C-alpha atoms as a PDB file:
ATOM      1  CA  MET A   1      94.299  16.768 141.092  1.00  0.00           C
ATOM      2  CA  ILE A   2      96.352  13.652 141.793  1.00  0.00           C
ATOM      3  CA  CYS A   3      97.051  12.344 145.264  1.00  0.00           C
ATOM      4  CA  PHE A   4      99.257   9.434 146.228  1.00  0.00           C
ATOM      5  CA  ILE A   5      98.588   7.249 149.244  1.00  0.00           C
ATOM      6  CA  LEU A   6     100.900   5.046 151.268  1.00  0.00           C
ATOM      7  CA  ILE A   7     100.031   2.874 154.225  1.00  0.00           C
ATOM      8  CA  ARG A   8     102.387   3.245 157.175  1.00  0.00           C
ATOM      9  CA  ASP A   9     103.058  -0.505 157.323  1.00  0.00           C
ATOM     10  CA  TRP A  10     104.737  -0.334 153.928  1.00  0.00           C
ATOM     11  CA  LEU A  11     107.441   2.073 155.068  1.00  0.00           C
ATOM     12  CA  THR A  12     109.641  -0.143 157.211  1.00  0.00           C
ATOM     13  CA  THR A  13     112.403  -0.318 154.595  1.00  0.00           C
ATOM     14  CA  ILE A  14     112.848   3.439 154.149  1.00  0.00           C
ATOM     15  CA  GLU A  15     116.294   4.596 155.227  1.00  0.00           C
ATOM     16  CA  GLU A  16     116.703   6.583 158.386  1.00  0.00           C
ATOM     17  CA  LEU A  17     117.139  10.304 157.871  1.00  0.00           C
ATOM     18  CA  PRO A  18     120.686  11.699 158.040  1.00  0.00           C
ATOM     19  CA  PRO A  19     121.865  12.666 161.546  1.00  0.00           C
ATOM     20  CA  GLY A  20     120.756  16.122 162.535  1.00  0.00           C
ATOM     21  CA  GLU A  21     117.740  16.136 160.220  1.00  0.00           C
ATOM     22  CA  GLY A  22     114.530  16.080 162.170  1.00  0.00           C
ATOM     23  CA  ARG A  23     111.299  17.908 162.626  1.00  0.00           C
ATOM     24  CA  THR A  24     111.748  21.635 162.822  1.00  0.00           C
ATOM     25  CA  TRP A  25     108.684  22.306 164.936  1.00  0.00           C
ATOM     26  CA  GLU A  26     108.658  22.711 168.687  1.00  0.00           C
ATOM     27  CA  PRO A  27     105.895  23.682 171.126  1.00  0.00           C
ATOM     28  CA  GLN A  28     105.054  27.290 170.317  1.00  0.00           C
ATOM     29  CA  ASN A  29     104.359  30.263 172.548  1.00  0.00           C
ATOM     30  CA  LYS A  30     100.688  29.946 173.498  1.00  0.00           C
ATOM     31  CA  SER A  31     100.102  33.652 172.931  1.00  0.00           C
ATOM     32  CA  LEU A  32     101.060  33.177 169.282  1.00  0.00           C
ATOM     33  CA  LEU A  33      98.655  30.304 168.797  1.00  0.00           C
ATOM     34  CA  ASN A  34      95.484  32.125 169.814  1.00  0.00           C
ATOM     35  CA  LYS A  35      94.396  32.712 166.244  1.00  0.00           C
ATOM     36  CA  LYS A  36      91.751  30.079 165.683  1.00  0.00           C
ATOM     37  CA  LYS A  37      89.206  32.658 164.535  1.00  0.00           C
ATOM     38  CA  GLU A  38      91.351  33.493 161.519  1.00  0.00           C
ATOM     39  CA  ILE A  39      90.687  30.154 159.808  1.00  0.00           C
ATOM     40  CA  GLY A  40      87.602  28.099 159.214  1.00  0.00           C
ATOM     41  CA  LYS A  41      87.058  25.193 161.569  1.00  0.00           C
ATOM     42  CA  SER A  42      86.502  21.694 160.255  1.00  0.00           C
ATOM     43  CA  LEU A  43      83.142  21.634 158.491  1.00  0.00           C
ATOM     44  CA  ASN A  44      82.379  18.200 159.870  1.00  0.00           C
ATOM     45  CA  LYS A  45      81.922  17.844 163.625  1.00  0.00           C
ATOM     46  CA  LYS A  46      79.694  14.760 163.561  1.00  0.00           C
ATOM     47  CA  VAL A  47      80.176  11.078 162.879  1.00  0.00           C
ATOM     48  CA  VAL A  48      78.776  11.544 159.363  1.00  0.00           C
ATOM     49  CA  ALA A  49      81.553  12.316 156.875  1.00  0.00           C
ATOM     50  CA  ALA A  50      79.201  13.739 154.229  1.00  0.00           C
ATOM     51  CA  VAL A  51      78.487  17.461 154.630  1.00  0.00           C
ATOM     52  CA  LEU A  52      77.353  20.207 152.298  1.00  0.00           C
ATOM     53  CA  PRO A  53      79.684  22.942 151.028  1.00  0.00           C
ATOM     54  CA  VAL A  54      79.316  26.477 152.345  1.00  0.00           C
ATOM     55  CA  LYS A  55      77.310  28.499 149.817  1.00  0.00           C
ATOM     56  CA  ASN A  56      76.830  31.834 151.572  1.00  0.00           C
ATOM     57  CA  LYS A  57      80.205  33.359 150.741  1.00  0.00           C
ATOM     58  CA  ASN A  58      80.801  36.079 148.191  1.00  0.00           C
ATOM     59  CA  GLY A  59      84.004  36.946 146.411  1.00  0.00           C
ATOM     60  CA  PRO A  60      86.241  35.993 143.493  1.00  0.00           C
ATOM     61  CA  GLY A  61      86.464  32.277 142.832  1.00  0.00           C
ATOM     62  CA  GLU A  62      83.728  31.246 145.267  1.00  0.00           C
ATOM     63  CA  MET A  63      82.154  27.878 144.445  1.00  0.00           C
ATOM     64  CA  GLY A  64      84.963  27.355 141.936  1.00  0.00           C
ATOM     65  CA  ALA A  65      83.920  30.211 139.657  1.00  0.00           C
ATOM     66  CA  ALA A  66      86.491  31.500 137.171  1.00  0.00           C
ATOM     67  CA  VAL A  67      88.336  34.728 137.979  1.00  0.00           C
ATOM     68  CA  PHE A  68      88.776  37.215 135.134  1.00  0.00           C
ATOM     69  CA  LEU A  69      91.404  39.954 135.294  1.00  0.00           C
ATOM     70  CA  THR A  70      91.542  43.221 133.377  1.00  0.00           C
ATOM     71  CA  GLY A  71      94.077  45.997 132.835  1.00  0.00           C
ATOM     72  CA  LYS A  72      97.326  45.796 134.778  1.00  0.00           C
ATOM     73  CA  GLU A  73      96.137  42.741 136.674  1.00  0.00           C
ATOM     74  CA  ALA A  74      95.645  40.871 133.404  1.00  0.00           C
ATOM     75  CA  VAL A  75      99.155  41.830 132.301  1.00  0.00           C
ATOM     76  CA  GLN A  76     100.523  40.592 135.628  1.00  0.00           C
ATOM     77  CA  GLY A  77      98.561  37.368 135.263  1.00  0.00           C
ATOM     78  CA  THR A  78     100.145  36.734 131.873  1.00  0.00           C
ATOM     79  CA  ALA A  79     103.596  37.317 133.350  1.00  0.00           C
ATOM     80  CA  ASP A  80     102.748  34.957 136.205  1.00  0.00           C
ATOM     81  CA  MET A  81     101.996  32.182 133.730  1.00  0.00           C
ATOM     82  CA  LYS A  82     105.552  32.387 132.422  1.00  0.00           C
ATOM     83  CA  LYS A  83     107.098  32.404 135.901  1.00  0.00           C
ATOM     84  CA  TRP A  84     104.792  30.148 137.923  1.00  0.00           C
ATOM     85  CA  PHE A  85     102.911  28.275 135.174  1.00  0.00           C
ATOM     86  CA  MET A  86      99.741  29.481 136.889  1.00  0.00           C
ATOM     87  CA  ASN A  87      97.934  32.806 137.233  1.00  0.00           C
ATOM     88  CA  VAL A  88      99.094  33.874 140.689  1.00  0.00           C
ATOM     89  CA  ALA A  89      97.495  37.317 140.295  1.00  0.00           C
ATOM     90  CA  ALA A  90      94.103  35.601 140.017  1.00  0.00           C
ATOM     91  CA  SER A  91      94.933  33.180 142.827  1.00  0.00           C
ATOM     92  CA  ASP A  92      95.815  36.052 145.154  1.00  0.00           C
ATOM     93  CA  LYS A  93      92.297  37.475 144.749  1.00  0.00           C
ATOM     94  CA  ILE A  94      90.659  34.236 145.907  1.00  0.00           C
ATOM     95  CA  SER A  95      90.009  33.566 149.592  1.00  0.00           C
ATOM     96  CA  LEU A  96      92.191  30.901 151.183  1.00  0.00           C
ATOM     97  CA  ASP A  97      88.960  29.516 152.663  1.00  0.00           C
ATOM     98  CA  ARG A  98      86.850  29.741 149.520  1.00  0.00           C
ATOM     99  CA  SER A  99      83.815  27.547 149.005  1.00  0.00           C
ATOM    100  CA  LEU A 100      83.786  24.734 146.447  1.00  0.00           C
ATOM    101  CA  PRO A 101      80.948  22.820 144.793  1.00  0.00           C
ATOM    102  CA  ASP A 102      80.331  19.282 145.991  1.00  0.00           C
ATOM    103  CA  VAL A 103      81.374  17.227 142.958  1.00  0.00           C
ATOM    104  CA  ARG A 104      80.912  13.808 144.525  1.00  0.00           C
ATOM    105  CA  ILE A 105      78.597  11.295 142.904  1.00  0.00           C
ATOM    106  CA  LYS A 106      75.251  10.675 144.605  1.00  0.00           C
ATOM    107  CA  GLU A 107      76.372   7.462 146.316  1.00  0.00           C
ATOM    108  CA  CYS A 108      79.340   9.192 147.945  1.00  0.00           C
ATOM    109  CA  LYS A 109      77.204  12.055 149.241  1.00  0.00           C
ATOM    110  CA  THR A 110      75.007   9.688 151.221  1.00  0.00           C
ATOM    111  CA  LYS A 111      77.754   7.384 152.497  1.00  0.00           C
ATOM    112  CA  ILE A 112      78.168   7.423 156.280  1.00  0.00           C
ATOM    113  CA  TYR A 113      81.390   6.547 158.122  1.00  0.00           C
ATOM    114  CA  ASP A 114      82.019   6.102 161.814  1.00  0.00           C
ATOM    115  CA  LEU A 115      84.958   8.451 162.343  1.00  0.00           C
ATOM    116  CA  ASN A 116      85.764   6.776 165.653  1.00  0.00           C
ATOM    117  CA  LYS A 117      86.688   3.587 163.778  1.00  0.00           C
ATOM    118  CA  LEU A 118      88.738   5.134 160.970  1.00  0.00           C
ATOM    119  CA  PRO A 119      92.541   5.457 161.146  1.00  0.00           C
ATOM    120  CA  LYS A 120      94.096   8.899 161.434  1.00  0.00           C
ATOM    121  CA  THR A 121      95.655  10.385 158.319  1.00  0.00           C
ATOM    122  CA  SER A 122      98.780  12.453 157.755  1.00  0.00           C
ATOM    123  CA  VAL A 123      98.525  14.725 154.718  1.00  0.00           C
ATOM    124  CA  VAL A 124     101.993  15.366 153.272  1.00  0.00           C
ATOM    125  CA  ILE A 125     102.523  18.315 150.932  1.00  0.00           C
ATOM    126  CA  ILE A 126     105.854  18.667 149.112  1.00  0.00           C
ATOM    127  CA  PHE A 127     106.781  22.138 147.875  1.00  0.00           C
ATOM    128  CA  THR A 128     109.739  23.970 146.364  1.00  0.00           C
ATOM    129  CA  ASP A 129     109.501  27.749 145.919  1.00  0.00           C
ATOM    130  CA  GLU A 130     105.717  27.477 145.570  1.00  0.00           C
ATOM    131  CA  ALA A 131     103.654  30.651 145.238  1.00  0.00           C
ATOM    132  CA  TRP A 132     102.173  31.773 148.569  1.00  0.00           C
ATOM    133  CA  SER A 133      98.415  31.715 147.980  1.00  0.00           C
ATOM    134  CA  PRO A 134      98.163  28.348 146.151  1.00  0.00           C
ATOM    135  CA  LEU A 135     100.245  26.649 148.848  1.00  0.00           C
ATOM    136  CA  LEU A 136      98.237  28.056 151.733  1.00  0.00           C
ATOM    137  CA  ARG A 137      94.904  27.470 150.018  1.00  0.00           C
ATOM    138  CA  THR A 138      95.891  23.811 149.802  1.00  0.00           C
ATOM    139  CA  VAL A 139      96.579  23.744 153.547  1.00  0.00           C
ATOM    140  CA  HIS A 140      93.387  25.630 154.424  1.00  0.00           C
ATOM    141  CA  SER A 141      91.286  23.287 152.286  1.00  0.00           C
ATOM    142  CA  VAL A 142      92.607  20.223 154.113  1.00  0.00           C
ATOM    143  CA  ILE A 143      92.012  21.774 157.538  1.00  0.00           C
ATOM    144  CA  ASN A 144      88.557  23.105 156.641  1.00  0.00           C
ATOM    145  CA  ARG A 145      87.188  19.967 155.015  1.00  0.00           C
ATOM    146  CA  THR A 146      88.672  17.180 157.101  1.00  0.00           C
ATOM    147  CA  PRO A 147      87.071  16.022 160.358  1.00  0.00           C
ATOM    148  CA  ASP A 148      89.460  16.699 163.216  1.00  0.00           C
ATOM    149  CA  LYS A 149      89.200  13.093 164.412  1.00  0.00           C
ATOM    150  CA  LEU A 150      90.445  11.898 161.042  1.00  0.00           C
ATOM    151  CA  LEU A 151      93.351  14.314 160.547  1.00  0.00           C
ATOM    152  CA  GLU A 152      96.549  13.538 162.436  1.00  0.00           C
ATOM    153  CA  GLU A 153      98.526  16.383 160.856  1.00  0.00           C
ATOM    154  CA  VAL A 154      99.365  18.346 157.749  1.00  0.00           C
ATOM    155  CA  LEU A 155     103.088  17.954 157.088  1.00  0.00           C
ATOM    156  CA  LEU A 156     104.714  20.493 154.772  1.00  0.00           C
ATOM    157  CA  VAL A 157     108.011  19.234 153.367  1.00  0.00           C
ATOM    158  CA  ASP A 158     110.126  22.078 151.992  1.00  0.00           C
ATOM    159  CA  ASP A 159     112.459  20.689 149.343  1.00  0.00           C
ATOM    160  CA  PHE A 160     115.108  23.394 149.817  1.00  0.00           C
ATOM    161  CA  SER A 161     113.096  26.485 148.819  1.00  0.00           C
ATOM    162  CA  GLN A 162     115.081  29.663 148.189  1.00  0.00           C
ATOM    163  CA  ARG A 163     112.296  32.256 148.399  1.00  0.00           C
ATOM    164  CA  ASP A 164     112.516  34.308 151.595  1.00  0.00           C
ATOM    165  CA  ASP A 165     108.758  34.415 152.239  1.00  0.00           C
ATOM    166  CA  LEU A 166     108.651  30.616 152.498  1.00  0.00           C
ATOM    167  CA  HIS A 167     110.913  30.560 155.535  1.00  0.00           C
ATOM    168  CA  GLN A 168     110.221  32.666 158.642  1.00  0.00           C
ATOM    169  CA  ASN A 169     106.984  34.115 157.247  1.00  0.00           C
ATOM    170  CA  LEU A 170     105.611  30.636 156.635  1.00  0.00           C
ATOM    171  CA  ASP A 171     106.801  29.432 160.036  1.00  0.00           C
ATOM    172  CA  ASN A 172     104.911  32.307 161.640  1.00  0.00           C
ATOM    173  CA  TYR A 173     101.805  31.763 159.539  1.00  0.00           C
ATOM    174  CA  ILE A 174     101.216  28.119 160.436  1.00  0.00           C
ATOM    175  CA  LYS A 175     101.192  28.922 164.164  1.00  0.00           C
ATOM    176  CA  ARG A 176      97.530  29.842 163.749  1.00  0.00           C
ATOM    177  CA  PHE A 177      96.714  26.179 163.092  1.00  0.00           C
ATOM    178  CA  ASN A 178      97.415  25.323 166.730  1.00  0.00           C
ATOM    179  CA  GLY A 179      99.962  22.577 166.105  1.00  0.00           C
ATOM    180  CA  LYS A 180      98.022  20.756 163.385  1.00  0.00           C
ATOM    181  CA  VAL A 181     100.368  21.912 160.608  1.00  0.00           C
ATOM    182  CA  HIS A 182     104.127  21.237 160.718  1.00  0.00           C
ATOM    183  CA  ILE A 183     107.066  22.079 158.479  1.00  0.00           C
ATOM    184  CA  TYR A 184     110.084  19.897 157.798  1.00  0.00           C
ATOM    185  CA  ARG A 185     112.861  21.516 155.768  1.00  0.00           C
ATOM    186  CA  LEU A 186     115.342  19.492 153.744  1.00  0.00           C
ATOM    187  CA  LYS A 187     118.913  20.785 153.925  1.00  0.00           C
ATOM    188  CA  GLU A 188     119.517  20.228 150.206  1.00  0.00           C
ATOM    189  CA  ARG A 189     117.411  19.649 147.110  1.00  0.00           C
ATOM    190  CA  ASN A 190     116.159  16.060 147.138  1.00  0.00           C
ATOM    191  CA  GLY A 191     113.667  15.973 144.289  1.00  0.00           C
ATOM    192  CA  LEU A 192     110.005  15.009 144.484  1.00  0.00           C
ATOM    193  CA  ILE A 193     110.328  11.277 145.169  1.00  0.00           C
ATOM    194  CA  ARG A 194     113.001  11.500 147.871  1.00  0.00           C
ATOM    195  CA  ALA A 195     111.142  14.394 149.468  1.00  0.00           C
ATOM    196  CA  LYS A 196     108.025  12.211 149.596  1.00  0.00           C
ATOM    197  CA  LEU A 197     110.003   9.399 151.206  1.00  0.00           C
ATOM    198  CA  ASN A 198     111.241  11.822 153.856  1.00  0.00           C
ATOM    199  CA  GLY A 199     107.685  12.987 154.452  1.00  0.00           C
ATOM    200  CA  ALA A 200     106.406   9.421 154.672  1.00  0.00           C
ATOM    201  CA  LYS A 201     109.062   8.559 157.243  1.00  0.00           C
ATOM    202  CA  LEU A 202     108.139  11.545 159.407  1.00  0.00           C
ATOM    203  CA  ALA A 203     104.366  11.168 159.110  1.00  0.00           C
ATOM    204  CA  ARG A 204     102.627  10.009 162.279  1.00  0.00           C
ATOM    205  CA  GLY A 205      99.279   8.910 160.853  1.00  0.00           C
ATOM    206  CA  GLU A 206      98.355   5.312 160.025  1.00  0.00           C
ATOM    207  CA  VAL A 207      97.470   6.463 156.507  1.00  0.00           C
ATOM    208  CA  VAL A 208      99.686   8.853 154.535  1.00  0.00           C
ATOM    209  CA  VAL A 209      98.193  10.968 151.752  1.00  0.00           C
ATOM    210  CA  PHE A 210     100.347  13.056 149.406  1.00  0.00           C
ATOM    211  CA  LEU A 211      98.844  16.192 147.879  1.00  0.00           C
ATOM    212  CA  ASP A 212     100.221  18.604 145.322  1.00  0.00           C
ATOM    213  CA  SER A 213     101.124  22.016 146.741  1.00  0.00           C
ATOM    214  CA  HIS A 214      98.658  23.845 144.475  1.00  0.00           C
ATOM    215  CA  CYS A 215      95.381  21.947 144.766  1.00  0.00           C
ATOM    216  CA  GLU A 216      92.315  21.989 147.007  1.00  0.00           C
ATOM    217  CA  ALA A 217      90.841  19.162 149.058  1.00  0.00           C
ATOM    218  CA  ASN A 218      87.099  18.743 148.777  1.00  0.00           C
ATOM    219  CA  ILE A 219      84.509  17.312 151.109  1.00  0.00           C
ATOM    220  CA  GLY A 220      84.578  13.661 152.105  1.00  0.00           C
ATOM    221  CA  CYS A 221      87.759  12.580 150.310  1.00  0.00           C
ATOM    222  CA  LEU A 222      89.672  11.277 153.333  1.00  0.00           C
ATOM    223  CA  GLY A 223      86.698   9.353 154.670  1.00  0.00           C
ATOM    224  CA  VAL A 224      86.597   7.147 151.578  1.00  0.00           C
ATOM    225  CA  GLN A 225      90.333   6.483 151.569  1.00  0.00           C
ATOM    226  CA  SER A 226      90.500   5.688 155.279  1.00  0.00           C
ATOM    227  CA  HIS A 227      87.527   3.336 154.962  1.00  0.00           C
ATOM    228  CA  LEU A 228      89.343   1.382 152.236  1.00  0.00           C
ATOM    229  CA  TYR A 229      92.267   0.928 154.603  1.00  0.00           C
ATOM    230  CA  THR A 230      90.119  -0.399 157.440  1.00  0.00           C
ATOM    231  CA  SER A 231      88.443  -2.764 154.976  1.00  0.00           C
ATOM    232  CA  LYS A 232      91.867  -4.341 154.246  1.00  0.00           C
ATOM    233  CA  GLN A 233      91.443  -3.774 150.526  1.00  0.00           C
ATOM    234  CA  PRO A 234      94.337  -2.848 148.201  1.00  0.00           C
ATOM    235  CA  LEU A 235      94.502   0.908 147.800  1.00  0.00           C
ATOM    236  CA  TYR A 236      95.700   2.576 144.616  1.00  0.00           C
ATOM    237  CA  VAL A 237      95.128   6.200 143.577  1.00  0.00           C
ATOM    238  CA  GLN A 238      96.285   7.536 140.216  1.00  0.00           C
END
């Protein structure tokens, strides 16, 4: 997984968005937002930004285990590789809130950060006609494994997707995140870099992190990056 990070102070030269292009989200009907129980809450409610992964879940892909398909599902998985360049049939069997092993080195697992002193982060995810389950698993992983005090927002930037299920269905789905996840839709195909610039301009956090639309955030990653920013050190992620 590769993530790219920009600091808000670097973005003063980015051009203003074209007239009429703005955030597509508005305050939602409260009755539609009462779905908190459908997603996992942030695993970290304390000042300490090092927590253990959930290990008591069962199901395909839990703790990062491989998923093996047979019969018609295996045939579909092979077809998916040609269309999506990933096995969507296998992805669809994995929980959007699946558990992952803690792959941090020992020093990172014991590092403690004061979340009250760290800057808030906007996580920007660019997508174009992405498959449903990989995209949403990316969003769920950020919400589940990021302390609420540290996460300003998850901003989905749709680079002119044509698939129907990524429009109204996706708009309806993110209502369950109670305003933490937003969608901004470009009116024409911009390409990855320009889409990122649009996302950076719209992001409200002091730190902006770009994630691929088919990855999973693990425990403690934003704490390290935000700490580097507060330490006034140069920040590069490749």
